[in-house]
Amino acid sequence: QVQLAESGGGLVQAGGSLRLSCTASGRTDTIIVMGWHRQAPGKESESVASINLMGDTTYYAPSVTGRVAISTNNAKNTLYLELNSLKPDDAAVYYCEAGDNPGRYTYWGQGTQVAVSS
């Protein structure tokens, strides 16, 4: 089992930045892929970014490409998401996710709220 805990959300003005963190605990040695998705009221869930821990390959949603960076610490048990040039459309609950197979997530965190004021 793997437990995920997010932090770093908050209220920021449009154009500002935030860094979200996700700390993984438990059987972190089984994790192959980690990522973030977001859920805003009235909108579909959107996969924001992901990283394959075996080769550090990354994916970014077109809506955030160029404004967001996903990374891990050296131990690969903490996941980060740098959000820059934030827009009101970026406001959502951001969830950390992890899986033991590429493209398949098995574990999710409780989410951290990001609010953007215009």
PDB file of N, CA and C in Angstrom:
ATOM      1  N   GLN A   1       0.829  -1.193   0.000  1.00  0.00           N
ATOM      2  CA  GLN A   1       0.000   0.000   0.000  1.00  0.00           C
ATOM      3  C   GLN A   1       0.871   1.253   0.000  1.00  0.00           C
ATOM      4  N   VAL A   2       0.351   2.258  -0.639  1.00  0.00           N
ATOM      5  CA  VAL A   2       1.040   3.543  -0.709  1.00  0.00           C
ATOM      6  C   VAL A   2       0.080   4.623  -0.231  1.00  0.00           C
ATOM      7  N   GLN A   3       0.568   5.527   0.579  1.00  0.00           N
ATOM      8  CA  GLN A   3      -0.229   6.662   1.009  1.00  0.00           C
ATOM      9  C   GLN A   3       0.363   7.934   0.397  1.00  0.00           C
ATOM     10  N   LEU A   4      -0.525   8.815  -0.031  1.00  0.00           N
ATOM     11  CA  LEU A   4      -0.111  10.066  -0.663  1.00  0.00           C
ATOM     12  C   LEU A   4      -0.715  11.240   0.090  1.00  0.00           C
ATOM     13  N   ALA A   5       0.075  12.257   0.338  1.00  0.00           N
ATOM     14  CA  ALA A   5      -0.415  13.433   1.058  1.00  0.00           C
ATOM     15  C   ALA A   5       0.052  14.689   0.346  1.00  0.00           C
ATOM     16  N   GLU A   6      -0.908  15.480  -0.113  1.00  0.00           N
ATOM     17  CA  GLU A   6      -0.580  16.706  -0.832  1.00  0.00           C
ATOM     18  C   GLU A   6      -0.509  17.900   0.110  1.00  0.00           C
ATOM     19  N   SER A   7       0.222  18.905  -0.325  1.00  0.00           N
ATOM     20  CA  SER A   7       0.280  20.175   0.382  1.00  0.00           C
ATOM     21  C   SER A   7       0.661  21.256  -0.607  1.00  0.00           C
ATOM     22  N   GLY A   8       0.512  22.508  -0.180  1.00  0.00           N
ATOM     23  CA  GLY A   8       0.980  23.617  -1.001  1.00  0.00           C
ATOM     24  C   GLY A   8      -0.095  24.407  -1.714  1.00  0.00           C
ATOM     25  N   GLY A   9      -1.333  23.952  -1.645  1.00  0.00           N
ATOM     26  CA  GLY A   9      -2.391  24.709  -2.292  1.00  0.00           C
ATOM     27  C   GLY A   9      -2.660  26.015  -1.559  1.00  0.00           C
ATOM     28  N   GLY A  10      -3.475  26.846  -2.168  1.00  0.00           N
ATOM     29  CA  GLY A  10      -3.822  28.111  -1.539  1.00  0.00           C
ATOM     30  C   GLY A  10      -4.448  29.063  -2.531  1.00  0.00           C
ATOM     31  N   LEU A  11      -4.565  30.312  -2.114  1.00  0.00           N
ATOM     32  CA  LEU A  11      -5.124  31.363  -2.948  1.00  0.00           C
ATOM     33  C   LEU A  11      -3.996  32.208  -3.506  1.00  0.00           C
ATOM     34  N   VAL A  12      -4.013  32.420  -4.798  1.00  0.00           N
ATOM     35  CA  VAL A  12      -2.979  33.212  -5.450  1.00  0.00           C
ATOM     36  C   VAL A  12      -3.632  34.108  -6.495  1.00  0.00           C
ATOM     37  N   GLN A  13      -3.027  35.249  -6.739  1.00  0.00           N
ATOM     38  CA  GLN A  13      -3.533  36.133  -7.778  1.00  0.00           C
ATOM     39  C   GLN A  13      -3.182  35.592  -9.153  1.00  0.00           C
ATOM     40  N   ALA A  14      -3.997  35.924 -10.123  1.00  0.00           N
ATOM     41  CA  ALA A  14      -3.707  35.537 -11.510  1.00  0.00           C
ATOM     42  C   ALA A  14      -2.315  36.039 -11.874  1.00  0.00           C
ATOM     43  N   GLY A  15      -1.562  35.167 -12.527  1.00  0.00           N
ATOM     44  CA  GLY A  15      -0.192  35.495 -12.886  1.00  0.00           C
ATOM     45  C   GLY A  15       0.818  35.028 -11.863  1.00  0.00           C
ATOM     46  N   GLY A  16       0.349  34.608 -10.705  1.00  0.00           N
ATOM     47  CA  GLY A  16       1.226  34.159  -9.646  1.00  0.00           C
ATOM     48  C   GLY A  16       1.634  32.704  -9.801  1.00  0.00           C
ATOM     49  N   SER A  17       2.336  32.220  -8.779  1.00  0.00           N
ATOM     50  CA  SER A  17       2.879  30.864  -8.815  1.00  0.00           C
ATOM     51  C   SER A  17       2.589  30.135  -7.515  1.00  0.00           C
ATOM     52  N   LEU A  18       2.561  28.819  -7.601  1.00  0.00           N
ATOM     53  CA  LEU A  18       2.431  27.944  -6.443  1.00  0.00           C
ATOM     54  C   LEU A  18       3.267  26.705  -6.697  1.00  0.00           C
ATOM     55  N   ARG A  19       3.722  26.095  -5.618  1.00  0.00           N
ATOM     56  CA  ARG A  19       4.359  24.791  -5.742  1.00  0.00           C
ATOM     57  C   ARG A  19       3.607  23.804  -4.867  1.00  0.00           C
ATOM     58  N   LEU A  20       3.069  22.790  -5.510  1.00  0.00           N
ATOM     59  CA  LEU A  20       2.375  21.725  -4.807  1.00  0.00           C
ATOM     60  C   LEU A  20       3.357  20.602  -4.522  1.00  0.00           C
ATOM     61  N   SER A  21       3.176  19.962  -3.370  1.00  0.00           N
ATOM     62  CA  SER A  21       4.006  18.828  -2.996  1.00  0.00           C
ATOM     63  C   SER A  21       3.125  17.639  -2.684  1.00  0.00           C
ATOM     64  N   CYS A  22       3.670  16.464  -2.917  1.00  0.00           N
ATOM     65  CA  CYS A  22       2.970  15.227  -2.608  1.00  0.00           C
ATOM     66  C   CYS A  22       3.993  14.269  -2.005  1.00  0.00           C
ATOM     67  N   THR A  23       3.786  13.906  -0.757  1.00  0.00           N
ATOM     68  CA  THR A  23       4.694  12.993  -0.077  1.00  0.00           C
ATOM     69  C   THR A  23       4.114  11.593  -0.097  1.00  0.00           C
ATOM     70  N   ALA A  24       4.886  10.662  -0.590  1.00  0.00           N
ATOM     71  CA  ALA A  24       4.466   9.264  -0.656  1.00  0.00           C
ATOM     72  C   ALA A  24       5.090   8.492   0.492  1.00  0.00           C
ATOM     73  N   SER A  25       4.319   7.585   1.070  1.00  0.00           N
ATOM     74  CA  SER A  25       4.828   6.720   2.135  1.00  0.00           C
ATOM     75  C   SER A  25       4.289   5.316   1.927  1.00  0.00           C
ATOM     76  N   GLY A  26       4.861   4.376   2.650  1.00  0.00           N
ATOM     77  CA  GLY A  26       4.476   2.977   2.474  1.00  0.00           C
ATOM     78  C   GLY A  26       5.377   2.298   1.453  1.00  0.00           C
ATOM     79  N   ARG A  27       4.785   1.515   0.572  1.00  0.00           N
ATOM     80  CA  ARG A  27       5.578   0.742  -0.395  1.00  0.00           C
ATOM     81  C   ARG A  27       5.941   1.601  -1.608  1.00  0.00           C
ATOM     82  N   THR A  28       6.711   2.637  -1.352  1.00  0.00           N
ATOM     83  CA  THR A  28       7.073   3.558  -2.436  1.00  0.00           C
ATOM     84  C   THR A  28       7.983   2.894  -3.461  1.00  0.00           C
ATOM     85  N   ASP A  29       8.605   1.780  -3.094  1.00  0.00           N
ATOM     86  CA  ASP A  29       9.475   1.085  -4.035  1.00  0.00           C
ATOM     87  C   ASP A  29       8.691   0.460  -5.185  1.00  0.00           C
ATOM     88  N   THR A  30       7.378   0.363  -5.042  1.00  0.00           N
ATOM     89  CA  THR A  30       6.555  -0.233  -6.098  1.00  0.00           C
ATOM     90  C   THR A  30       6.053   0.802  -7.108  1.00  0.00           C
ATOM     91  N   ILE A  31       6.254   2.072  -6.825  1.00  0.00           N
ATOM     92  CA  ILE A  31       5.717   3.131  -7.680  1.00  0.00           C
ATOM     93  C   ILE A  31       6.552   3.295  -8.945  1.00  0.00           C
ATOM     94  N   ILE A  32       5.870   3.282 -10.094  1.00  0.00           N
ATOM     95  CA  ILE A  32       6.525   3.472 -11.373  1.00  0.00           C
ATOM     96  C   ILE A  32       6.182   4.845 -11.965  1.00  0.00           C
ATOM     97  N   VAL A  33       4.957   5.276 -11.767  1.00  0.00           N
ATOM     98  CA  VAL A  33       4.499   6.530 -12.344  1.00  0.00           C
ATOM     99  C   VAL A  33       3.774   7.355 -11.285  1.00  0.00           C
ATOM    100  N   MET A  34       3.971   8.664 -11.356  1.00  0.00           N
ATOM    101  CA  MET A  34       3.266   9.591 -10.470  1.00  0.00           C
ATOM    102  C   MET A  34       2.746  10.755 -11.297  1.00  0.00           C
ATOM    103  N   GLY A  35       1.699  11.370 -10.810  1.00  0.00           N
ATOM    104  CA  GLY A  35       1.149  12.478 -11.570  1.00  0.00           C
ATOM    105  C   GLY A  35       0.188  13.322 -10.756  1.00  0.00           C
ATOM    106  N   TRP A  36      -0.366  14.289 -11.419  1.00  0.00           N
ATOM    107  CA  TRP A  36      -1.368  15.184 -10.838  1.00  0.00           C
ATOM    108  C   TRP A  36      -2.568  15.277 -11.783  1.00  0.00           C
ATOM    109  N   HIS A  37      -3.732  15.226 -11.199  1.00  0.00           N
ATOM    110  CA  HIS A  37      -4.901  15.596 -11.980  1.00  0.00           C
ATOM    111  C   HIS A  37      -5.687  16.613 -11.172  1.00  0.00           C
ATOM    112  N   ARG A  38      -6.589  17.312 -11.826  1.00  0.00           N
ATOM    113  CA  ARG A  38      -7.346  18.346 -11.132  1.00  0.00           C
ATOM    114  C   ARG A  38      -8.823  18.229 -11.443  1.00  0.00           C
ATOM    115  N   GLN A  39      -9.614  18.689 -10.510  1.00  0.00           N
ATOM    116  CA  GLN A  39     -11.061  18.633 -10.634  1.00  0.00           C
ATOM    117  C   GLN A  39     -11.633  19.964 -10.204  1.00  0.00           C
ATOM    118  N   ALA A  40     -12.290  20.648 -11.125  1.00  0.00           N
ATOM    119  CA  ALA A  40     -12.954  21.905 -10.806  1.00  0.00           C
ATOM    120  C   ALA A  40     -14.457  21.698 -10.852  1.00  0.00           C
ATOM    121  N   PRO A  41     -15.211  22.444 -10.076  1.00  0.00           N
ATOM    122  CA  PRO A  41     -16.675  22.290 -10.076  1.00  0.00           C
ATOM    123  C   PRO A  41     -17.252  22.473 -11.468  1.00  0.00           C
ATOM    124  N   GLY A  42     -18.083  21.544 -11.876  1.00  0.00           N
ATOM    125  CA  GLY A  42     -18.727  21.647 -13.172  1.00  0.00           C
ATOM    126  C   GLY A  42     -17.865  21.276 -14.355  1.00  0.00           C
ATOM    127  N   LYS A  43     -16.644  20.880 -14.100  1.00  0.00           N
ATOM    128  CA  LYS A  43     -15.728  20.495 -15.189  1.00  0.00           C
ATOM    129  C   LYS A  43     -15.300  19.050 -15.035  1.00  0.00           C
ATOM    130  N   GLU A  44     -14.881  18.464 -16.131  1.00  0.00           N
ATOM    131  CA  GLU A  44     -14.369  17.105 -16.083  1.00  0.00           C
ATOM    132  C   GLU A  44     -12.981  17.097 -15.449  1.00  0.00           C
ATOM    133  N   SER A  45     -12.662  15.962 -14.841  1.00  0.00           N
ATOM    134  CA  SER A  45     -11.332  15.785 -14.289  1.00  0.00           C
ATOM    135  C   SER A  45     -10.314  15.863 -15.417  1.00  0.00           C
ATOM    136  N   GLU A  46      -9.201  16.509 -15.143  1.00  0.00           N
ATOM    137  CA  GLU A  46      -8.171  16.684 -16.172  1.00  0.00           C
ATOM    138  C   GLU A  46      -6.824  16.206 -15.645  1.00  0.00           C
ATOM    139  N   SER A  47      -6.162  15.363 -16.400  1.00  0.00           N
ATOM    140  CA  SER A  47      -4.801  14.968 -16.073  1.00  0.00           C
ATOM    141  C   SER A  47      -3.889  16.141 -16.400  1.00  0.00           C
ATOM    142  N   VAL A  48      -3.172  16.642 -15.415  1.00  0.00           N
ATOM    143  CA  VAL A  48      -2.359  17.841 -15.600  1.00  0.00           C
ATOM    144  C   VAL A  48      -0.934  17.495 -16.026  1.00  0.00           C
ATOM    145  N   ALA A  49      -0.319  16.569 -15.328  1.00  0.00           N
ATOM    146  CA  ALA A  49       1.068  16.216 -15.621  1.00  0.00           C
ATOM    147  C   ALA A  49       1.380  14.871 -14.993  1.00  0.00           C
ATOM    148  N   SER A  50       2.365  14.194 -15.559  1.00  0.00           N
ATOM    149  CA  SER A  50       2.800  12.926 -15.001  1.00  0.00           C
ATOM    150  C   SER A  50       4.278  12.739 -15.261  1.00  0.00           C
ATOM    151  N   ILE A  51       4.887  11.845 -14.485  1.00  0.00           N
ATOM    152  CA  ILE A  51       6.294  11.540 -14.650  1.00  0.00           C
ATOM    153  C   ILE A  51       6.500  10.053 -14.424  1.00  0.00           C
ATOM    154  N   ASN A  52       7.264   9.437 -15.323  1.00  0.00           N
ATOM    155  CA  ASN A  52       7.628   8.035 -15.195  1.00  0.00           C
ATOM    156  C   ASN A  52       8.924   7.972 -14.399  1.00  0.00           C
ATOM    157  N   LEU A  53       8.898   7.358 -13.256  1.00  0.00           N
ATOM    158  CA  LEU A  53      10.045   7.366 -12.362  1.00  0.00           C
ATOM    159  C   LEU A  53      11.191   6.503 -12.865  1.00  0.00           C
ATOM    160  N   MET A  54      10.926   5.633 -13.842  1.00  0.00           N
ATOM    161  CA  MET A  54      11.987   4.784 -14.368  1.00  0.00           C
ATOM    162  C   MET A  54      12.893   5.553 -15.312  1.00  0.00           C
ATOM    163  N   GLY A  55      12.330   6.496 -16.060  1.00  0.00           N
ATOM    164  CA  GLY A  55      13.147   7.215 -17.024  1.00  0.00           C
ATOM    165  C   GLY A  55      12.970   8.711 -16.972  1.00  0.00           C
ATOM    166  N   ASP A  56      12.164   9.190 -16.029  1.00  0.00           N
ATOM    167  CA  ASP A  56      11.911  10.615 -15.852  1.00  0.00           C
ATOM    168  C   ASP A  56      11.223  11.261 -17.050  1.00  0.00           C
ATOM    169  N   THR A  57      10.570  10.468 -17.890  1.00  0.00           N
ATOM    170  CA  THR A  57       9.805  11.066 -18.972  1.00  0.00           C
ATOM    171  C   THR A  57       8.560  11.722 -18.383  1.00  0.00           C
ATOM    172  N   THR A  58       8.168  12.820 -18.981  1.00  0.00           N
ATOM    173  CA  THR A  58       7.055  13.596 -18.458  1.00  0.00           C
ATOM    174  C   THR A  58       5.972  13.813 -19.492  1.00  0.00           C
ATOM    175  N   TYR A  59       4.785  14.104 -18.990  1.00  0.00           N
ATOM    176  CA  TYR A  59       3.644  14.464 -19.833  1.00  0.00           C
ATOM    177  C   TYR A  59       3.014  15.707 -19.225  1.00  0.00           C
ATOM    178  N   TYR A  60       2.604  16.614 -20.095  1.00  0.00           N
ATOM    179  CA  TYR A  60       1.870  17.793 -19.659  1.00  0.00           C
ATOM    180  C   TYR A  60       0.619  17.961 -20.511  1.00  0.00           C
ATOM    181  N   ALA A  61      -0.467  18.328 -19.869  1.00  0.00           N
ATOM    182  CA  ALA A  61      -1.683  18.625 -20.614  1.00  0.00           C
ATOM    183  C   ALA A  61      -1.454  19.876 -21.463  1.00  0.00           C
ATOM    184  N   PRO A  62      -2.043  19.939 -22.635  1.00  0.00           N
ATOM    185  CA  PRO A  62      -1.885  21.130 -23.489  1.00  0.00           C
ATOM    186  C   PRO A  62      -2.282  22.421 -22.774  1.00  0.00           C
ATOM    187  N   SER A  63      -3.230  22.331 -21.865  1.00  0.00           N
ATOM    188  CA  SER A  63      -3.720  23.534 -21.187  1.00  0.00           C
ATOM    189  C   SER A  63      -2.690  24.132 -20.234  1.00  0.00           C
ATOM    190  N   VAL A  64      -1.665  23.365 -19.866  1.00  0.00           N
ATOM    191  CA  VAL A  64      -0.686  23.860 -18.900  1.00  0.00           C
ATOM    192  C   VAL A  64       0.738  23.849 -19.444  1.00  0.00           C
ATOM    193  N   THR A  65       0.949  23.304 -20.614  1.00  0.00           N
ATOM    194  CA  THR A  65       2.301  23.211 -21.178  1.00  0.00           C
ATOM    195  C   THR A  65       2.951  24.588 -21.236  1.00  0.00           C
ATOM    196  N   GLY A  66       4.168  24.652 -20.734  1.00  0.00           N
ATOM    197  CA  GLY A  66       4.907  25.912 -20.713  1.00  0.00           C
ATOM    198  C   GLY A  66       4.725  26.688 -19.428  1.00  0.00           C
ATOM    199  N   ARG A  67       3.747  26.299 -18.617  1.00  0.00           N
ATOM    200  CA  ARG A  67       3.485  27.016 -17.367  1.00  0.00           C
ATOM    201  C   ARG A  67       3.684  26.130 -16.138  1.00  0.00           C
ATOM    202  N   VAL A  68       3.875  24.846 -16.352  1.00  0.00           N
ATOM    203  CA  VAL A  68       3.883  23.881 -15.261  1.00  0.00           C
ATOM    204  C   VAL A  68       5.112  22.975 -15.389  1.00  0.00           C
ATOM    205  N   ALA A  69       5.658  22.591 -14.250  1.00  0.00           N
ATOM    206  CA  ALA A  69       6.780  21.646 -14.250  1.00  0.00           C
ATOM    207  C   ALA A  69       6.558  20.602 -13.164  1.00  0.00           C
ATOM    208  N   ILE A  70       6.701  19.340 -13.535  1.00  0.00           N
ATOM    209  CA  ILE A  70       6.572  18.235 -12.589  1.00  0.00           C
ATOM    210  C   ILE A  70       7.965  17.698 -12.306  1.00  0.00           C
ATOM    211  N   SER A  71       8.209  17.336 -11.062  1.00  0.00           N
ATOM    212  CA  SER A  71       9.521  16.820 -10.691  1.00  0.00           C
ATOM    213  C   SER A  71       9.408  16.008  -9.417  1.00  0.00           C
ATOM    214  N   THR A  72      10.489  15.294  -9.090  1.00  0.00           N
ATOM    215  CA  THR A  72      10.544  14.549  -7.838  1.00  0.00           C
ATOM    216  C   THR A  72      11.843  14.886  -7.112  1.00  0.00           C
ATOM    217  N   ASN A  73      11.909  14.513  -5.848  1.00  0.00           N
ATOM    218  CA  ASN A  73      13.171  14.636  -5.136  1.00  0.00           C
ATOM    219  C   ASN A  73      14.051  13.445  -5.491  1.00  0.00           C
ATOM    220  N   ASN A  74      15.281  13.455  -5.014  1.00  0.00           N
ATOM    221  CA  ASN A  74      16.205  12.385  -5.393  1.00  0.00           C
ATOM    222  C   ASN A  74      15.723  11.021  -4.931  1.00  0.00           C
ATOM    223  N   ALA A  75      15.075  10.968  -3.798  1.00  0.00           N
ATOM    224  CA  ALA A  75      14.589   9.684  -3.284  1.00  0.00           C
ATOM    225  C   ALA A  75      13.333   9.223  -4.001  1.00  0.00           C
ATOM    226  N   LYS A  76      12.760  10.101  -4.816  1.00  0.00           N
ATOM    227  CA  LYS A  76      11.548   9.806  -5.589  1.00  0.00           C
ATOM    228  C   LYS A  76      10.386   9.397  -4.697  1.00  0.00           C
ATOM    229  N   ASN A  77      10.332  10.012  -3.511  1.00  0.00           N
ATOM    230  CA  ASN A  77       9.168   9.783  -2.669  1.00  0.00           C
ATOM    231  C   ASN A  77       8.406  11.085  -2.407  1.00  0.00           C
ATOM    232  N   THR A  78       8.826  12.135  -3.049  1.00  0.00           N
ATOM    233  CA  THR A  78       8.094  13.398  -2.989  1.00  0.00           C
ATOM    234  C   THR A  78       7.941  13.933  -4.410  1.00  0.00           C
ATOM    235  N   LEU A  79       6.734  14.249  -4.747  1.00  0.00           N
ATOM    236  CA  LEU A  79       6.403  14.753  -6.087  1.00  0.00           C
ATOM    237  C   LEU A  79       6.069  16.232  -5.968  1.00  0.00           C
ATOM    238  N   TYR A  80       6.540  16.998  -6.939  1.00  0.00           N
ATOM    239  CA  TYR A  80       6.266  18.428  -6.951  1.00  0.00           C
ATOM    240  C   TYR A  80       5.538  18.820  -8.237  1.00  0.00           C
ATOM    241  N   LEU A  81       4.780  19.895  -8.134  1.00  0.00           N
ATOM    242  CA  LEU A  81       4.164  20.495  -9.319  1.00  0.00           C
ATOM    243  C   LEU A  81       4.304  22.007  -9.175  1.00  0.00           C
ATOM    244  N   GLU A  82       5.148  22.581 -10.021  1.00  0.00           N
ATOM    245  CA  GLU A  82       5.318  24.032 -10.053  1.00  0.00           C
ATOM    246  C   GLU A  82       4.276  24.602 -10.998  1.00  0.00           C
ATOM    247  N   LEU A  83       3.455  25.490 -10.486  1.00  0.00           N
ATOM    248  CA  LEU A  83       2.422  26.135 -11.294  1.00  0.00           C
ATOM    249  C   LEU A  83       2.797  27.603 -11.439  1.00  0.00           C
ATOM    250  N   ASN A  84       2.971  28.041 -12.662  1.00  0.00           N
ATOM    251  CA  ASN A  84       3.346  29.424 -12.929  1.00  0.00           C
ATOM    252  C   ASN A  84       2.316  30.096 -13.833  1.00  0.00           C
ATOM    253  N   SER A  85       2.345  31.413 -13.841  1.00  0.00           N
ATOM    254  CA  SER A  85       1.420  32.193 -14.680  1.00  0.00           C
ATOM    255  C   SER A  85      -0.006  31.675 -14.520  1.00  0.00           C
ATOM    256  N   LEU A  86      -0.414  31.525 -13.274  1.00  0.00           N
ATOM    257  CA  LEU A  86      -1.717  30.925 -13.003  1.00  0.00           C
ATOM    258  C   LEU A  86      -2.863  31.766 -13.545  1.00  0.00           C
ATOM    259  N   LYS A  87      -3.865  31.071 -14.030  1.00  0.00           N
ATOM    260  CA  LYS A  87      -5.062  31.684 -14.573  1.00  0.00           C
ATOM    261  C   LYS A  87      -6.262  31.261 -13.735  1.00  0.00           C
ATOM    262  N   PRO A  88      -7.353  32.020 -13.779  1.00  0.00           N
ATOM    263  CA  PRO A  88      -8.558  31.584 -13.057  1.00  0.00           C
ATOM    264  C   PRO A  88      -9.006  30.177 -13.453  1.00  0.00           C
ATOM    265  N   ASP A  89      -8.772  29.801 -14.697  1.00  0.00           N
ATOM    266  CA  ASP A  89      -9.158  28.460 -15.154  1.00  0.00           C
ATOM    267  C   ASP A  89      -8.340  27.361 -14.500  1.00  0.00           C
ATOM    268  N   ASP A  90      -7.235  27.716 -13.850  1.00  0.00           N
ATOM    269  CA  ASP A  90      -6.422  26.712 -13.162  1.00  0.00           C
ATOM    270  C   ASP A  90      -6.979  26.367 -11.779  1.00  0.00           C
ATOM    271  N   ALA A  91      -7.938  27.118 -11.309  1.00  0.00           N
ATOM    272  CA  ALA A  91      -8.514  26.871  -9.994  1.00  0.00           C
ATOM    273  C   ALA A  91      -9.201  25.512  -9.969  1.00  0.00           C
ATOM    274  N   ALA A  92      -8.847  24.700  -8.984  1.00  0.00           N
ATOM    275  CA  ALA A  92      -9.374  23.339  -8.895  1.00  0.00           C
ATOM    276  C   ALA A  92      -8.801  22.681  -7.648  1.00  0.00           C
ATOM    277  N   VAL A  93      -9.292  21.509  -7.367  1.00  0.00           N
ATOM    278  CA  VAL A  93      -8.639  20.651  -6.377  1.00  0.00           C
ATOM    279  C   VAL A  93      -7.644  19.791  -7.145  1.00  0.00           C
ATOM    280  N   TYR A  94      -6.414  19.835  -6.718  1.00  0.00           N
ATOM    281  CA  TYR A  94      -5.340  19.085  -7.367  1.00  0.00           C
ATOM    282  C   TYR A  94      -5.060  17.818  -6.549  1.00  0.00           C
ATOM    283  N   TYR A  95      -5.092  16.689  -7.248  1.00  0.00           N
ATOM    284  CA  TYR A  95      -4.884  15.401  -6.614  1.00  0.00           C
ATOM    285  C   TYR A  95      -3.586  14.776  -7.111  1.00  0.00           C
ATOM    286  N   CYS A  96      -2.838  14.260  -6.174  1.00  0.00           N
ATOM    287  CA  CYS A  96      -1.642  13.485  -6.498  1.00  0.00           C
ATOM    288  C   CYS A  96      -2.055  12.034  -6.735  1.00  0.00           C
ATOM    289  N   GLU A  97      -1.374  11.370  -7.654  1.00  0.00           N
ATOM    290  CA  GLU A  97      -1.701   9.980  -7.954  1.00  0.00           C
ATOM    291  C   GLU A  97      -0.431   9.212  -8.254  1.00  0.00           C
ATOM    292  N   ALA A  98      -0.493   7.923  -8.008  1.00  0.00           N
ATOM    293  CA  ALA A  98       0.685   7.072  -8.216  1.00  0.00           C
ATOM    294  C   ALA A  98       0.237   5.694  -8.644  1.00  0.00           C
ATOM    295  N   GLY A  99       1.114   5.024  -9.395  1.00  0.00           N
ATOM    296  CA  GLY A  99       0.776   3.687  -9.855  1.00  0.00           C
ATOM    297  C   GLY A  99       2.000   2.819 -10.012  1.00  0.00           C
ATOM    298  N   ASP A 100       1.745   1.510 -10.073  1.00  0.00           N
ATOM    299  CA  ASP A 100       2.844   0.558 -10.234  1.00  0.00           C
ATOM    300  C   ASP A 100       2.981   0.074 -11.665  1.00  0.00           C
ATOM    301  N   ASN A 101       2.207   0.665 -12.565  1.00  0.00           N
ATOM    302  CA  ASN A 101       2.326   0.388 -13.991  1.00  0.00           C
ATOM    303  C   ASN A 101       2.153   1.689 -14.752  1.00  0.00           C
ATOM    304  N   PRO A 102       2.943   1.883 -15.820  1.00  0.00           N
ATOM    305  CA  PRO A 102       2.787   3.121 -16.598  1.00  0.00           C
ATOM    306  C   PRO A 102       1.361   3.272 -17.101  1.00  0.00           C
ATOM    307  N   GLY A 103       0.790   4.435 -16.917  1.00  0.00           N
ATOM    308  CA  GLY A 103      -0.547   4.699 -17.420  1.00  0.00           C
ATOM    309  C   GLY A 103      -1.661   4.213 -16.529  1.00  0.00           C
ATOM    310  N   ARG A 104      -1.341   3.620 -15.413  1.00  0.00           N
ATOM    311  CA  ARG A 104      -2.372   3.142 -14.507  1.00  0.00           C
ATOM    312  C   ARG A 104      -2.080   3.610 -13.097  1.00  0.00           C
ATOM    313  N   TYR A 105      -3.010   4.389 -12.575  1.00  0.00           N
ATOM    314  CA  TYR A 105      -2.860   4.890 -11.222  1.00  0.00           C
ATOM    315  C   TYR A 105      -3.667   4.028 -10.267  1.00  0.00           C
ATOM    316  N   THR A 106      -3.058   3.760  -9.117  1.00  0.00           N
ATOM    317  CA  THR A 106      -3.690   2.903  -8.129  1.00  0.00           C
ATOM    318  C   THR A 106      -3.942   3.641  -6.820  1.00  0.00           C
ATOM    319  N   TYR A 107      -3.209   4.707  -6.599  1.00  0.00           N
ATOM    320  CA  TYR A 107      -3.286   5.414  -5.338  1.00  0.00           C
ATOM    321  C   TYR A 107      -3.543   6.906  -5.606  1.00  0.00           C
ATOM    322  N   TRP A 108      -4.323   7.515  -4.729  1.00  0.00           N
ATOM    323  CA  TRP A 108      -4.638   8.933  -4.852  1.00  0.00           C
ATOM    324  C   TRP A 108      -4.583   9.597  -3.485  1.00  0.00           C
ATOM    325  N   GLY A 109      -4.221  10.862  -3.494  1.00  0.00           N
ATOM    326  CA  GLY A 109      -4.241  11.642  -2.275  1.00  0.00           C
ATOM    327  C   GLY A 109      -5.601  12.281  -2.062  1.00  0.00           C
ATOM    328  N   GLN A 110      -5.714  13.046  -1.000  1.00  0.00           N
ATOM    329  CA  GLN A 110      -6.976  13.680  -0.639  1.00  0.00           C
ATOM    330  C   GLN A 110      -7.205  14.982  -1.396  1.00  0.00           C
ATOM    331  N   GLY A 111      -6.171  15.507  -2.002  1.00  0.00           N
ATOM    332  CA  GLY A 111      -6.327  16.726  -2.791  1.00  0.00           C
ATOM    333  C   GLY A 111      -5.946  17.977  -2.039  1.00  0.00           C
ATOM    334  N   THR A 112      -5.523  18.975  -2.794  1.00  0.00           N
ATOM    335  CA  THR A 112      -5.219  20.284  -2.233  1.00  0.00           C
ATOM    336  C   THR A 112      -5.847  21.344  -3.132  1.00  0.00           C
ATOM    337  N   GLN A 113      -6.484  22.324  -2.505  1.00  0.00           N
ATOM    338  CA  GLN A 113      -7.257  23.318  -3.248  1.00  0.00           C
ATOM    339  C   GLN A 113      -6.351  24.427  -3.769  1.00  0.00           C
ATOM    340  N   VAL A 114      -6.521  24.755  -5.021  1.00  0.00           N
ATOM    341  CA  VAL A 114      -5.845  25.905  -5.622  1.00  0.00           C
ATOM    342  C   VAL A 114      -6.927  26.889  -6.063  1.00  0.00           C
ATOM    343  N   ALA A 115      -6.854  28.095  -5.574  1.00  0.00           N
ATOM    344  CA  ALA A 115      -7.795  29.145  -5.957  1.00  0.00           C
ATOM    345  C   ALA A 115      -7.014  30.283  -6.601  1.00  0.00           C
ATOM    346  N   VAL A 116      -7.555  30.845  -7.659  1.00  0.00           N
ATOM    347  CA  VAL A 116      -6.868  31.913  -8.387  1.00  0.00           C
ATOM    348  C   VAL A 116      -7.817  33.102  -8.497  1.00  0.00           C
ATOM    349  N   SER A 117      -7.392  34.226  -7.981  1.00  0.00           N
ATOM    350  CA  SER A 117      -8.216  35.436  -8.062  1.00  0.00           C
ATOM    351  C   SER A 117      -7.808  36.256  -9.281  1.00  0.00           C
ATOM    352  N   SER A 118      -8.799  36.819  -9.934  1.00  0.00           N
ATOM    353  CA  SER A 118      -8.528  37.605 -11.151  1.00  0.00           C
ATOM    354  C   SER A 118      -8.359  39.069 -10.825  1.00  0.00           C
TER     355      SER A 118
END
